[in-house]
Amino acid sequence: MGSTSEKYAAFKEKVGRTVYFDNMSPQVTESVLRTALEQFAIVKTVKFIPNYIGPSNLPQCALVELDSAKKAEEVILMIRQYPFMMSGMPRPVRARAAEEEMFDDRPTEPDRKIQCTWLDPSDPDFEVAKELKRLTCKHAAEIAFMHKLQLQEEEKLAQQQTETLKMHYRKFKMIEDITMDGTARRLAREYDMRIADE
């Protein structure tokens, strides 16, 4: 696999069998991801995409290479059809096919040349580049605001689930207590009712 074209062809195959996962809880680890996905396919590699600009409690992204492109398509289809949760706060994981640009170790495309130049303010593309820069900043601000709202919603949902869990615990504890101390039997006799284990 010496030539650039052979390396690039192997890389294209790898991209075809790789799935991009996002909206994962920050608590998701490689072993959690492998365990969750190995019910569908053999996981070859897992690579988390680091978030260098946002807070650490934002949802994670990962590139997961499976054993075949067919399995990758099946996993994507399954996750699109049914909610798929992994660890931490309740957050449905999203999946889509990986793209070449997502890989930081991608080889250079054969016969591709990149040329960079400074734009003069009189250049017709200068205004286009300026507008693209403005839109990028606006988009980043919108994403940060949406992440903040999403985290608030998740915290509220997690709090509701915690309260519900505590309420169920208290209810079952009360049922266990009245069963163990004989109160249930006394009440059953008082109201002429049968208890299931009698």
N, C-alpha and C. Protein backbone atom coordinates (compact mmCIF):
# COMPACT_ATOMS: atom_id res chain seq x y z
N MET A 1 0.85 -1.19 0.00
CA MET A 1 0.00 0.00 0.00
C MET A 1 0.89 1.24 0.00
N GLY A 2 1.80 1.30 -1.01
CA GLY A 2 2.77 2.37 -1.03
C GLY A 2 2.30 3.65 -1.69
N SER A 3 1.57 3.55 -2.81
CA SER A 3 1.22 4.75 -3.57
C SER A 3 0.13 5.56 -2.88
N THR A 4 0.11 6.86 -3.22
CA THR A 4 -0.88 7.78 -2.63
C THR A 4 -2.29 7.37 -3.01
N SER A 5 -2.47 6.92 -4.26
CA SER A 5 -3.82 6.55 -4.71
C SER A 5 -4.33 5.32 -3.97
N GLU A 6 -3.44 4.35 -3.66
CA GLU A 6 -3.86 3.16 -2.90
C GLU A 6 -4.24 3.54 -1.47
N LYS A 7 -3.45 4.42 -0.85
CA LYS A 7 -3.76 4.88 0.50
C LYS A 7 -5.10 5.61 0.52
N TYR A 8 -5.31 6.43 -0.50
CA TYR A 8 -6.55 7.19 -0.55
C TYR A 8 -7.75 6.27 -0.77
N ALA A 9 -7.58 5.23 -1.60
CA ALA A 9 -8.66 4.26 -1.85
C ALA A 9 -9.01 3.51 -0.55
N ALA A 10 -7.98 3.11 0.22
CA ALA A 10 -8.22 2.43 1.50
C ALA A 10 -8.93 3.37 2.47
N PHE A 11 -8.54 4.64 2.46
CA PHE A 11 -9.19 5.63 3.33
C PHE A 11 -10.66 5.79 2.96
N LYS A 12 -10.97 5.83 1.65
CA LYS A 12 -12.37 5.95 1.19
C LYS A 12 -13.21 4.77 1.68
N GLU A 13 -12.61 3.56 1.66
CA GLU A 13 -13.32 2.38 2.16
C GLU A 13 -13.62 2.53 3.65
N LYS A 14 -12.62 3.02 4.39
CA LYS A 14 -12.78 3.23 5.83
C LYS A 14 -13.90 4.23 6.11
N VAL A 15 -13.96 5.31 5.34
CA VAL A 15 -15.02 6.32 5.50
C VAL A 15 -16.38 5.69 5.26
N GLY A 16 -16.47 4.79 4.29
CA GLY A 16 -17.74 4.13 3.95
C GLY A 16 -18.29 3.26 5.07
N ARG A 17 -17.42 2.73 5.91
CA ARG A 17 -17.89 1.87 7.01
C ARG A 17 -17.84 2.57 8.36
N THR A 18 -17.68 3.89 8.34
CA THR A 18 -17.61 4.66 9.59
C THR A 18 -18.89 5.46 9.79
N VAL A 19 -19.35 5.51 11.04
CA VAL A 19 -20.57 6.24 11.40
C VAL A 19 -20.18 7.40 12.31
N TYR A 20 -20.78 8.56 12.04
CA TYR A 20 -20.56 9.74 12.89
C TYR A 20 -21.71 9.82 13.89
N PHE A 21 -21.37 9.78 15.18
CA PHE A 21 -22.37 9.88 16.25
C PHE A 21 -22.21 11.23 16.92
N ASP A 22 -23.34 11.89 17.17
CA ASP A 22 -23.27 13.12 17.95
C ASP A 22 -24.44 13.19 18.93
N ASN A 23 -24.46 14.25 19.71
CA ASN A 23 -25.46 14.45 20.76
C ASN A 23 -25.34 13.41 21.87
N MET A 24 -24.11 12.91 22.07
CA MET A 24 -23.89 11.93 23.14
C MET A 24 -23.58 12.64 24.44
N SER A 25 -23.97 12.02 25.53
CA SER A 25 -23.69 12.56 26.86
C SER A 25 -22.18 12.64 27.08
N PRO A 26 -21.71 13.66 27.82
CA PRO A 26 -20.28 13.73 28.14
C PRO A 26 -19.78 12.54 28.95
N GLN A 27 -20.69 11.78 29.58
CA GLN A 27 -20.29 10.61 30.37
C GLN A 27 -20.02 9.37 29.51
N VAL A 28 -20.33 9.43 28.22
CA VAL A 28 -20.13 8.26 27.36
C VAL A 28 -18.63 8.06 27.13
N THR A 29 -18.18 6.83 27.40
CA THR A 29 -16.77 6.47 27.18
C THR A 29 -16.68 5.51 25.99
N GLU A 30 -15.44 5.17 25.61
CA GLU A 30 -15.26 4.25 24.49
C GLU A 30 -15.89 2.89 24.80
N SER A 31 -15.72 2.40 26.02
CA SER A 31 -16.27 1.08 26.36
C SER A 31 -17.80 1.10 26.34
N VAL A 32 -18.41 2.21 26.79
CA VAL A 32 -19.88 2.34 26.75
C VAL A 32 -20.35 2.32 25.30
N LEU A 33 -19.66 3.06 24.44
CA LEU A 33 -20.02 3.14 23.02
C LEU A 33 -19.87 1.78 22.35
N ARG A 34 -18.76 1.11 22.64
CA ARG A 34 -18.54 -0.23 22.05
C ARG A 34 -19.63 -1.21 22.49
N THR A 35 -19.93 -1.22 23.79
CA THR A 35 -20.95 -2.13 24.32
C THR A 35 -22.30 -1.87 23.68
N ALA A 36 -22.65 -0.59 23.52
CA ALA A 36 -23.94 -0.23 22.94
C ALA A 36 -24.04 -0.65 21.48
N LEU A 37 -22.95 -0.53 20.73
CA LEU A 37 -23.00 -0.79 19.29
C LEU A 37 -22.69 -2.22 18.90
N GLU A 38 -22.04 -2.98 19.78
CA GLU A 38 -21.68 -4.34 19.41
C GLU A 38 -22.87 -5.28 19.34
N GLN A 39 -24.06 -4.80 19.74
CA GLN A 39 -25.27 -5.59 19.52
C GLN A 39 -25.69 -5.54 18.05
N PHE A 40 -25.14 -4.56 17.29
CA PHE A 40 -25.48 -4.41 15.86
C PHE A 40 -24.35 -4.87 14.94
N ALA A 41 -23.10 -4.58 15.33
CA ALA A 41 -21.97 -4.86 14.43
C ALA A 41 -20.68 -4.94 15.25
N ILE A 42 -19.62 -5.40 14.58
CA ILE A 42 -18.30 -5.43 15.21
C ILE A 42 -17.69 -4.04 15.11
N VAL A 43 -17.29 -3.49 16.25
CA VAL A 43 -16.68 -2.15 16.28
C VAL A 43 -15.17 -2.31 16.13
N LYS A 44 -14.61 -1.69 15.07
CA LYS A 44 -13.16 -1.78 14.85
C LYS A 44 -12.42 -0.68 15.59
N THR A 45 -12.85 0.57 15.42
CA THR A 45 -12.19 1.68 16.12
C THR A 45 -13.23 2.71 16.56
N VAL A 46 -12.89 3.42 17.64
CA VAL A 46 -13.71 4.52 18.14
C VAL A 46 -12.79 5.72 18.32
N LYS A 47 -13.19 6.86 17.75
CA LYS A 47 -12.39 8.07 17.92
C LYS A 47 -13.31 9.22 18.29
N PHE A 48 -13.15 9.74 19.51
CA PHE A 48 -13.93 10.90 19.94
C PHE A 48 -13.36 12.16 19.31
N ILE A 49 -14.26 13.05 18.90
CA ILE A 49 -13.84 14.32 18.32
C ILE A 49 -13.83 15.34 19.44
N PRO A 50 -12.66 15.87 19.78
CA PRO A 50 -12.60 16.80 20.92
C PRO A 50 -13.29 18.13 20.63
N ASN A 51 -13.86 18.71 21.68
CA ASN A 51 -14.50 20.02 21.57
C ASN A 51 -13.57 21.03 22.24
N TYR A 52 -12.82 21.77 21.43
CA TYR A 52 -11.82 22.69 21.97
C TYR A 52 -12.39 24.06 22.33
N ILE A 53 -13.58 24.38 21.80
CA ILE A 53 -14.08 25.75 21.99
C ILE A 53 -15.22 25.86 22.98
N GLY A 54 -15.94 24.79 23.26
CA GLY A 54 -17.11 24.88 24.13
C GLY A 54 -16.85 24.30 25.51
N PRO A 55 -17.81 24.47 26.43
CA PRO A 55 -17.65 23.87 27.76
C PRO A 55 -17.68 22.35 27.68
N SER A 56 -17.11 21.71 28.70
CA SER A 56 -16.95 20.25 28.66
C SER A 56 -18.26 19.49 28.80
N ASN A 57 -19.34 20.15 29.25
CA ASN A 57 -20.61 19.43 29.42
C ASN A 57 -21.48 19.47 28.17
N LEU A 58 -20.91 19.90 27.03
CA LEU A 58 -21.66 19.87 25.77
C LEU A 58 -21.67 18.44 25.24
N PRO A 59 -22.67 18.10 24.42
CA PRO A 59 -22.73 16.75 23.86
C PRO A 59 -21.46 16.40 23.08
N GLN A 60 -21.09 15.11 23.14
CA GLN A 60 -19.89 14.63 22.46
C GLN A 60 -20.20 14.11 21.06
N CYS A 61 -19.15 14.02 20.26
CA CYS A 61 -19.22 13.43 18.92
C CYS A 61 -18.14 12.35 18.82
N ALA A 62 -18.40 11.36 17.97
CA ALA A 62 -17.39 10.30 17.78
C ALA A 62 -17.52 9.71 16.39
N LEU A 63 -16.40 9.24 15.87
CA LEU A 63 -16.36 8.48 14.62
C LEU A 63 -16.14 7.03 15.01
N VAL A 64 -17.06 6.15 14.60
CA VAL A 64 -16.98 4.73 14.95
C VAL A 64 -16.89 3.92 13.67
N GLU A 65 -15.75 3.22 13.53
CA GLU A 65 -15.55 2.37 12.35
C GLU A 65 -16.09 0.98 12.65
N LEU A 66 -16.99 0.51 11.78
CA LEU A 66 -17.59 -0.82 11.93
C LEU A 66 -16.94 -1.79 10.95
N ASP A 67 -17.38 -3.04 10.97
CA ASP A 67 -16.73 -4.05 10.13
C ASP A 67 -17.11 -3.98 8.66
N SER A 68 -18.23 -3.33 8.32
CA SER A 68 -18.62 -3.23 6.91
C SER A 68 -19.49 -2.00 6.67
N ALA A 69 -19.52 -1.56 5.42
CA ALA A 69 -20.35 -0.41 5.05
C ALA A 69 -21.83 -0.74 5.19
N LYS A 70 -22.19 -2.00 4.94
CA LYS A 70 -23.59 -2.43 5.07
C LYS A 70 -24.06 -2.31 6.53
N LYS A 71 -23.21 -2.75 7.45
CA LYS A 71 -23.55 -2.65 8.88
C LYS A 71 -23.66 -1.18 9.30
N ALA A 72 -22.80 -0.35 8.75
CA ALA A 72 -22.85 1.09 9.08
C ALA A 72 -24.19 1.68 8.65
N GLU A 73 -24.65 1.32 7.44
CA GLU A 73 -25.95 1.80 6.96
C GLU A 73 -27.09 1.30 7.85
N GLU A 74 -27.01 0.03 8.27
CA GLU A 74 -28.05 -0.54 9.13
C GLU A 74 -28.12 0.18 10.48
N VAL A 75 -26.96 0.48 11.05
CA VAL A 75 -26.91 1.18 12.34
C VAL A 75 -27.52 2.58 12.21
N ILE A 76 -27.16 3.28 11.13
CA ILE A 76 -27.69 4.63 10.91
C ILE A 76 -29.21 4.58 10.77
N LEU A 77 -29.70 3.63 9.98
CA LEU A 77 -31.15 3.49 9.77
C LEU A 77 -31.86 3.16 11.09
N MET A 78 -31.28 2.26 11.88
CA MET A 78 -31.88 1.86 13.16
C MET A 78 -31.98 3.06 14.11
N ILE A 79 -30.91 3.84 14.19
CA ILE A 79 -30.90 4.98 15.12
C ILE A 79 -31.81 6.10 14.64
N ARG A 80 -32.01 6.21 13.34
CA ARG A 80 -32.96 7.21 12.83
C ARG A 80 -34.40 6.82 13.14
N GLN A 81 -34.68 5.52 13.15
CA GLN A 81 -36.05 5.06 13.37
C GLN A 81 -36.46 4.99 14.83
N TYR A 82 -35.50 4.66 15.72
CA TYR A 82 -35.83 4.46 17.13
C TYR A 82 -34.92 5.32 18.01
N PRO A 83 -35.45 5.83 19.12
CA PRO A 83 -34.59 6.59 20.04
C PRO A 83 -33.50 5.69 20.61
N PHE A 84 -32.28 6.18 20.60
CA PHE A 84 -31.14 5.40 21.07
C PHE A 84 -30.42 6.22 22.14
N MET A 85 -30.46 5.74 23.39
CA MET A 85 -29.88 6.49 24.51
C MET A 85 -28.62 5.78 24.99
N MET A 86 -27.65 6.58 25.42
CA MET A 86 -26.42 6.03 25.99
C MET A 86 -25.98 6.86 27.16
N SER A 87 -26.04 6.34 28.35
CA SER A 87 -25.40 6.94 29.52
C SER A 87 -25.78 8.39 29.82
N GLY A 88 -25.70 8.74 31.08
CA GLY A 88 -25.87 10.13 31.48
C GLY A 88 -27.28 10.64 31.34
N MET A 89 -27.40 11.94 31.11
CA MET A 89 -28.71 12.57 30.99
C MET A 89 -29.44 12.02 29.77
N PRO A 90 -30.78 12.03 29.82
CA PRO A 90 -31.54 11.47 28.69
C PRO A 90 -31.34 12.32 27.44
N ARG A 91 -30.71 11.74 26.45
CA ARG A 91 -30.41 12.49 25.23
C ARG A 91 -30.34 11.49 24.09
N PRO A 92 -31.27 11.57 23.12
CA PRO A 92 -31.21 10.61 22.02
C PRO A 92 -30.00 10.86 21.13
N VAL A 93 -29.22 9.82 20.92
CA VAL A 93 -28.02 9.91 20.10
C VAL A 93 -28.42 9.98 18.63
N ARG A 94 -27.68 10.78 17.88
CA ARG A 94 -27.93 10.89 16.43
C ARG A 94 -26.77 10.22 15.68
N ALA A 95 -27.08 9.69 14.49
CA ALA A 95 -26.05 9.03 13.69
C ALA A 95 -26.24 9.36 12.22
N ARG A 96 -25.12 9.52 11.53
CA ARG A 96 -25.15 9.69 10.08
C ARG A 96 -23.84 9.18 9.50
N ALA A 97 -23.83 9.03 8.20
CA ALA A 97 -22.62 8.53 7.54
C ALA A 97 -21.48 9.52 7.71
N ALA A 98 -20.29 9.00 7.95
CA ALA A 98 -19.12 9.86 8.11
C ALA A 98 -18.73 10.45 6.75
N GLU A 99 -18.08 11.60 6.81
CA GLU A 99 -17.58 12.27 5.60
C GLU A 99 -16.08 12.41 5.70
N GLU A 100 -15.43 12.50 4.57
CA GLU A 100 -13.96 12.56 4.53
C GLU A 100 -13.41 13.70 5.38
N GLU A 101 -14.10 14.85 5.38
CA GLU A 101 -13.61 16.04 6.08
C GLU A 101 -13.60 15.86 7.60
N MET A 102 -14.28 14.83 8.12
CA MET A 102 -14.36 14.61 9.57
C MET A 102 -13.10 13.98 10.13
N PHE A 103 -12.24 13.45 9.28
CA PHE A 103 -11.04 12.73 9.72
C PHE A 103 -9.83 13.65 9.70
N ASP A 104 -9.16 13.76 10.85
CA ASP A 104 -7.97 14.61 10.88
C ASP A 104 -6.74 13.91 10.30
N ASP A 105 -6.82 12.58 10.13
CA ASP A 105 -5.68 11.83 9.58
C ASP A 105 -5.90 11.44 8.12
N ARG A 106 -6.80 12.14 7.43
CA ARG A 106 -7.09 11.74 6.05
C ARG A 106 -5.87 12.02 5.16
N PRO A 107 -5.58 11.10 4.24
CA PRO A 107 -4.44 11.31 3.34
C PRO A 107 -4.79 12.37 2.28
N THR A 108 -3.77 12.90 1.67
CA THR A 108 -3.97 13.90 0.63
C THR A 108 -4.57 13.23 -0.60
N GLU A 109 -5.59 13.86 -1.15
CA GLU A 109 -6.22 13.33 -2.35
C GLU A 109 -5.22 13.41 -3.50
N PRO A 110 -5.09 12.33 -4.29
CA PRO A 110 -4.12 12.36 -5.39
C PRO A 110 -4.41 13.53 -6.35
N ASP A 111 -3.36 14.17 -6.79
CA ASP A 111 -3.42 15.28 -7.76
C ASP A 111 -4.18 16.50 -7.24
N ARG A 112 -4.30 16.64 -5.94
CA ARG A 112 -5.00 17.81 -5.38
C ARG A 112 -3.97 18.84 -4.92
N LYS A 113 -4.19 20.08 -5.31
CA LYS A 113 -3.29 21.16 -4.90
C LYS A 113 -4.11 22.24 -4.22
N ILE A 114 -3.61 22.74 -3.09
CA ILE A 114 -4.28 23.82 -2.36
C ILE A 114 -3.45 25.08 -2.53
N GLN A 115 -4.14 26.15 -2.89
CA GLN A 115 -3.45 27.42 -3.10
C GLN A 115 -4.11 28.48 -2.22
N CYS A 116 -3.32 29.18 -1.43
CA CYS A 116 -3.84 30.23 -0.55
C CYS A 116 -3.32 31.59 -1.00
N THR A 117 -4.21 32.57 -0.96
CA THR A 117 -3.80 33.94 -1.31
C THR A 117 -4.53 34.93 -0.41
N TRP A 118 -3.91 36.08 -0.19
CA TRP A 118 -4.56 37.17 0.53
C TRP A 118 -5.46 37.91 -0.43
N LEU A 119 -6.64 38.28 0.03
CA LEU A 119 -7.57 39.02 -0.84
C LEU A 119 -7.40 40.51 -0.64
N ASP A 120 -7.33 41.19 -1.74
CA ASP A 120 -7.27 42.65 -1.71
C ASP A 120 -8.69 43.19 -1.54
N PRO A 121 -8.91 44.28 -0.76
CA PRO A 121 -10.27 44.82 -0.60
C PRO A 121 -10.98 45.16 -1.92
N SER A 122 -10.22 45.37 -2.97
CA SER A 122 -10.85 45.67 -4.27
C SER A 122 -11.25 44.40 -5.03
N ASP A 123 -10.80 43.25 -4.53
CA ASP A 123 -11.11 41.98 -5.18
C ASP A 123 -12.61 41.69 -5.04
N PRO A 124 -13.28 41.18 -6.10
CA PRO A 124 -14.72 40.88 -6.00
C PRO A 124 -15.05 39.81 -4.95
N ASP A 125 -14.11 38.91 -4.66
CA ASP A 125 -14.35 37.86 -3.66
C ASP A 125 -14.17 38.36 -2.23
N PHE A 126 -13.63 39.58 -2.06
CA PHE A 126 -13.38 40.10 -0.72
C PHE A 126 -14.68 40.24 0.07
N GLU A 127 -15.73 40.78 -0.54
CA GLU A 127 -17.02 40.96 0.13
C GLU A 127 -17.67 39.61 0.46
N VAL A 128 -17.47 38.65 -0.44
CA VAL A 128 -18.01 37.30 -0.20
C VAL A 128 -17.33 36.69 1.02
N ALA A 129 -16.00 36.81 1.09
CA ALA A 129 -15.25 36.26 2.23
C ALA A 129 -15.64 36.96 3.53
N LYS A 130 -15.86 38.27 3.44
CA LYS A 130 -16.26 39.04 4.63
C LYS A 130 -17.63 38.59 5.13
N GLU A 131 -18.55 38.36 4.19
CA GLU A 131 -19.90 37.91 4.54
C GLU A 131 -19.85 36.49 5.14
N LEU A 132 -19.00 35.63 4.59
CA LEU A 132 -18.85 34.27 5.12
C LEU A 132 -18.32 34.31 6.56
N LYS A 133 -17.38 35.21 6.82
CA LYS A 133 -16.83 35.36 8.17
C LYS A 133 -17.92 35.82 9.14
N ARG A 134 -18.74 36.78 8.70
CA ARG A 134 -19.83 37.30 9.55
C ARG A 134 -20.84 36.19 9.85
N LEU A 135 -21.21 35.43 8.80
CA LEU A 135 -22.17 34.35 8.98
C LEU A 135 -21.63 33.25 9.91
N THR A 136 -20.33 32.98 9.81
CA THR A 136 -19.71 31.98 10.68
C THR A 136 -19.79 32.40 12.14
N CYS A 137 -19.50 33.67 12.42
CA CYS A 137 -19.58 34.18 13.80
C CYS A 137 -21.02 34.12 14.31
N LYS A 138 -21.98 34.49 13.45
CA LYS A 138 -23.39 34.46 13.83
C LYS A 138 -23.83 33.03 14.13
N HIS A 139 -23.41 32.10 13.26
CA HIS A 139 -23.75 30.69 13.42
C HIS A 139 -23.18 30.14 14.73
N ALA A 140 -21.94 30.48 15.05
CA ALA A 140 -21.31 30.02 16.30
C ALA A 140 -22.08 30.53 17.51
N ALA A 141 -22.53 31.80 17.46
CA ALA A 141 -23.29 32.37 18.58
C ALA A 141 -24.64 31.66 18.72
N GLU A 142 -25.30 31.37 17.60
CA GLU A 142 -26.59 30.66 17.64
C GLU A 142 -26.42 29.26 18.23
N ILE A 143 -25.37 28.56 17.82
CA ILE A 143 -25.12 27.21 18.33
C ILE A 143 -24.88 27.24 19.84
N ALA A 144 -24.08 28.21 20.29
CA ALA A 144 -23.80 28.32 21.73
C ALA A 144 -25.09 28.56 22.51
N PHE A 145 -25.97 29.42 21.97
CA PHE A 145 -27.24 29.70 22.64
C PHE A 145 -28.13 28.44 22.66
N MET A 146 -28.19 27.72 21.55
CA MET A 146 -29.00 26.50 21.47
C MET A 146 -28.47 25.43 22.44
N HIS A 147 -27.14 25.31 22.56
CA HIS A 147 -26.57 24.35 23.50
C HIS A 147 -26.95 24.70 24.93
N LYS A 148 -26.94 26.01 25.23
CA LYS A 148 -27.31 26.45 26.57
C LYS A 148 -28.76 26.07 26.87
N LEU A 149 -29.67 26.31 25.90
CA LEU A 149 -31.08 25.93 26.08
C LEU A 149 -31.24 24.43 26.24
N GLN A 150 -30.50 23.67 25.42
CA GLN A 150 -30.58 22.21 25.48
C GLN A 150 -30.13 21.70 26.85
N LEU A 151 -29.05 22.26 27.37
CA LEU A 151 -28.57 21.83 28.68
C LEU A 151 -29.57 22.17 29.79
N GLN A 152 -30.21 23.33 29.69
CA GLN A 152 -31.23 23.70 30.68
C GLN A 152 -32.40 22.71 30.65
N GLU A 153 -32.84 22.35 29.43
CA GLU A 153 -33.94 21.38 29.29
C GLU A 153 -33.54 20.02 29.87
N GLU A 154 -32.31 19.60 29.58
CA GLU A 154 -31.85 18.30 30.08
C GLU A 154 -31.76 18.29 31.60
N GLU A 155 -31.28 19.40 32.17
CA GLU A 155 -31.19 19.48 33.63
C GLU A 155 -32.59 19.42 34.26
N LYS A 156 -33.56 20.12 33.62
CA LYS A 156 -34.92 20.10 34.14
C LYS A 156 -35.50 18.69 34.06
N LEU A 157 -35.27 18.01 32.93
CA LEU A 157 -35.76 16.64 32.76
C LEU A 157 -35.10 15.69 33.75
N ALA A 158 -33.79 15.85 33.95
CA ALA A 158 -33.07 14.99 34.90
C ALA A 158 -33.60 15.21 36.32
N GLN A 159 -33.93 16.45 36.66
CA GLN A 159 -34.47 16.76 37.99
C GLN A 159 -35.85 16.11 38.16
N GLN A 160 -36.69 16.19 37.10
CA GLN A 160 -38.01 15.56 37.16
C GLN A 160 -37.87 14.05 37.35
N GLN A 161 -36.92 13.44 36.62
CA GLN A 161 -36.73 12.00 36.73
C GLN A 161 -36.23 11.61 38.13
N THR A 162 -35.36 12.45 38.70
CA THR A 162 -34.86 12.18 40.06
C THR A 162 -36.00 12.24 41.07
N GLU A 163 -36.86 13.27 40.93
CA GLU A 163 -38.00 13.40 41.84
C GLU A 163 -38.96 12.23 41.71
N THR A 164 -39.22 11.80 40.48
CA THR A 164 -40.10 10.65 40.24
C THR A 164 -39.52 9.38 40.86
N LEU A 165 -38.20 9.20 40.69
CA LEU A 165 -37.53 8.04 41.26
C LEU A 165 -37.63 8.04 42.79
N LYS A 166 -37.42 9.19 43.41
CA LYS A 166 -37.52 9.29 44.87
C LYS A 166 -38.95 9.01 45.34
N MET A 167 -39.93 9.51 44.58
CA MET A 167 -41.33 9.29 44.94
C MET A 167 -41.67 7.79 44.88
N HIS A 168 -41.21 7.11 43.81
CA HIS A 168 -41.44 5.67 43.69
C HIS A 168 -40.75 4.92 44.82
N TYR A 169 -39.55 5.34 45.17
CA TYR A 169 -38.82 4.69 46.27
C TYR A 169 -39.61 4.81 47.57
N ARG A 170 -40.10 6.03 47.87
CA ARG A 170 -40.87 6.24 49.10
C ARG A 170 -42.13 5.39 49.11
N LYS A 171 -42.80 5.31 47.95
CA LYS A 171 -44.03 4.52 47.84
C LYS A 171 -43.75 3.03 48.11
N PHE A 172 -42.72 2.48 47.47
CA PHE A 172 -42.41 1.07 47.67
C PHE A 172 -41.90 0.79 49.08
N LYS A 173 -41.18 1.74 49.65
CA LYS A 173 -40.70 1.59 51.03
C LYS A 173 -41.89 1.55 51.99
N MET A 174 -42.88 2.42 51.75
CA MET A 174 -44.07 2.44 52.60
C MET A 174 -44.83 1.11 52.48
N ILE A 175 -44.98 0.61 51.25
CA ILE A 175 -45.67 -0.67 51.04
C ILE A 175 -44.93 -1.79 51.75
N GLU A 176 -43.59 -1.80 51.64
CA GLU A 176 -42.81 -2.83 52.31
C GLU A 176 -42.95 -2.73 53.84
N ASP A 177 -42.93 -1.50 54.35
CA ASP A 177 -43.04 -1.31 55.81
C ASP A 177 -44.38 -1.80 56.34
N ILE A 178 -45.49 -1.45 55.66
CA ILE A 178 -46.81 -1.87 56.18
C ILE A 178 -47.02 -3.37 56.00
N THR A 179 -46.34 -3.96 55.04
CA THR A 179 -46.43 -5.42 54.86
C THR A 179 -45.63 -6.14 55.94
N MET A 180 -44.43 -5.61 56.25
CA MET A 180 -43.54 -6.27 57.22
C MET A 180 -44.03 -6.12 58.67
N ASP A 181 -44.63 -4.97 59.02
CA ASP A 181 -45.02 -4.78 60.43
C ASP A 181 -46.44 -5.27 60.74
N GLY A 182 -47.12 -5.88 59.78
CA GLY A 182 -48.43 -6.47 60.03
C GLY A 182 -49.60 -5.52 59.84
N THR A 183 -49.35 -4.27 59.49
CA THR A 183 -50.43 -3.30 59.30
C THR A 183 -51.34 -3.74 58.16
N ALA A 184 -50.76 -4.27 57.09
CA ALA A 184 -51.57 -4.70 55.94
C ALA A 184 -52.54 -5.80 56.34
N ARG A 185 -52.08 -6.78 57.14
CA ARG A 185 -52.95 -7.87 57.58
C ARG A 185 -54.08 -7.35 58.48
N ARG A 186 -53.73 -6.43 59.40
CA ARG A 186 -54.76 -5.88 60.29
C ARG A 186 -55.82 -5.13 59.48
N LEU A 187 -55.38 -4.34 58.49
CA LEU A 187 -56.33 -3.60 57.66
C LEU A 187 -57.19 -4.56 56.83
N ALA A 188 -56.56 -5.64 56.33
CA ALA A 188 -57.31 -6.63 55.54
C ALA A 188 -58.40 -7.28 56.39
N ARG A 189 -58.07 -7.63 57.65
CA ARG A 189 -59.08 -8.22 58.54
C ARG A 189 -60.17 -7.21 58.85
N GLU A 190 -59.78 -5.96 59.09
CA GLU A 190 -60.74 -4.90 59.43
C GLU A 190 -61.76 -4.70 58.31
N TYR A 191 -61.29 -4.74 57.09
CA TYR A 191 -62.17 -4.49 55.94
C TYR A 191 -62.61 -5.77 55.22
N ASP A 192 -62.34 -6.92 55.85
CA ASP A 192 -62.76 -8.22 55.34
C ASP A 192 -62.26 -8.44 53.90
N MET A 193 -60.95 -8.29 53.73
CA MET A 193 -60.32 -8.47 52.40
C MET A 193 -59.29 -9.56 52.48
N ARG A 194 -59.03 -10.17 51.35
CA ARG A 194 -58.00 -11.23 51.27
C ARG A 194 -56.67 -10.60 50.82
N ILE A 195 -55.57 -11.04 51.39
CA ILE A 195 -54.22 -10.62 50.92
C ILE A 195 -53.70 -11.76 50.07
N ALA A 196 -53.01 -11.43 49.01
CA ALA A 196 -52.59 -12.40 47.99
C ALA A 196 -51.82 -13.58 48.56
N ASP A 197 -50.94 -13.39 49.54
CA ASP A 197 -50.11 -14.50 50.05
C ASP A 197 -50.82 -15.32 51.11
N GLU A 198 -52.06 -15.06 51.42
CA GLU A 198 -52.80 -15.86 52.41
C GLU A 198 -53.39 -17.12 51.76
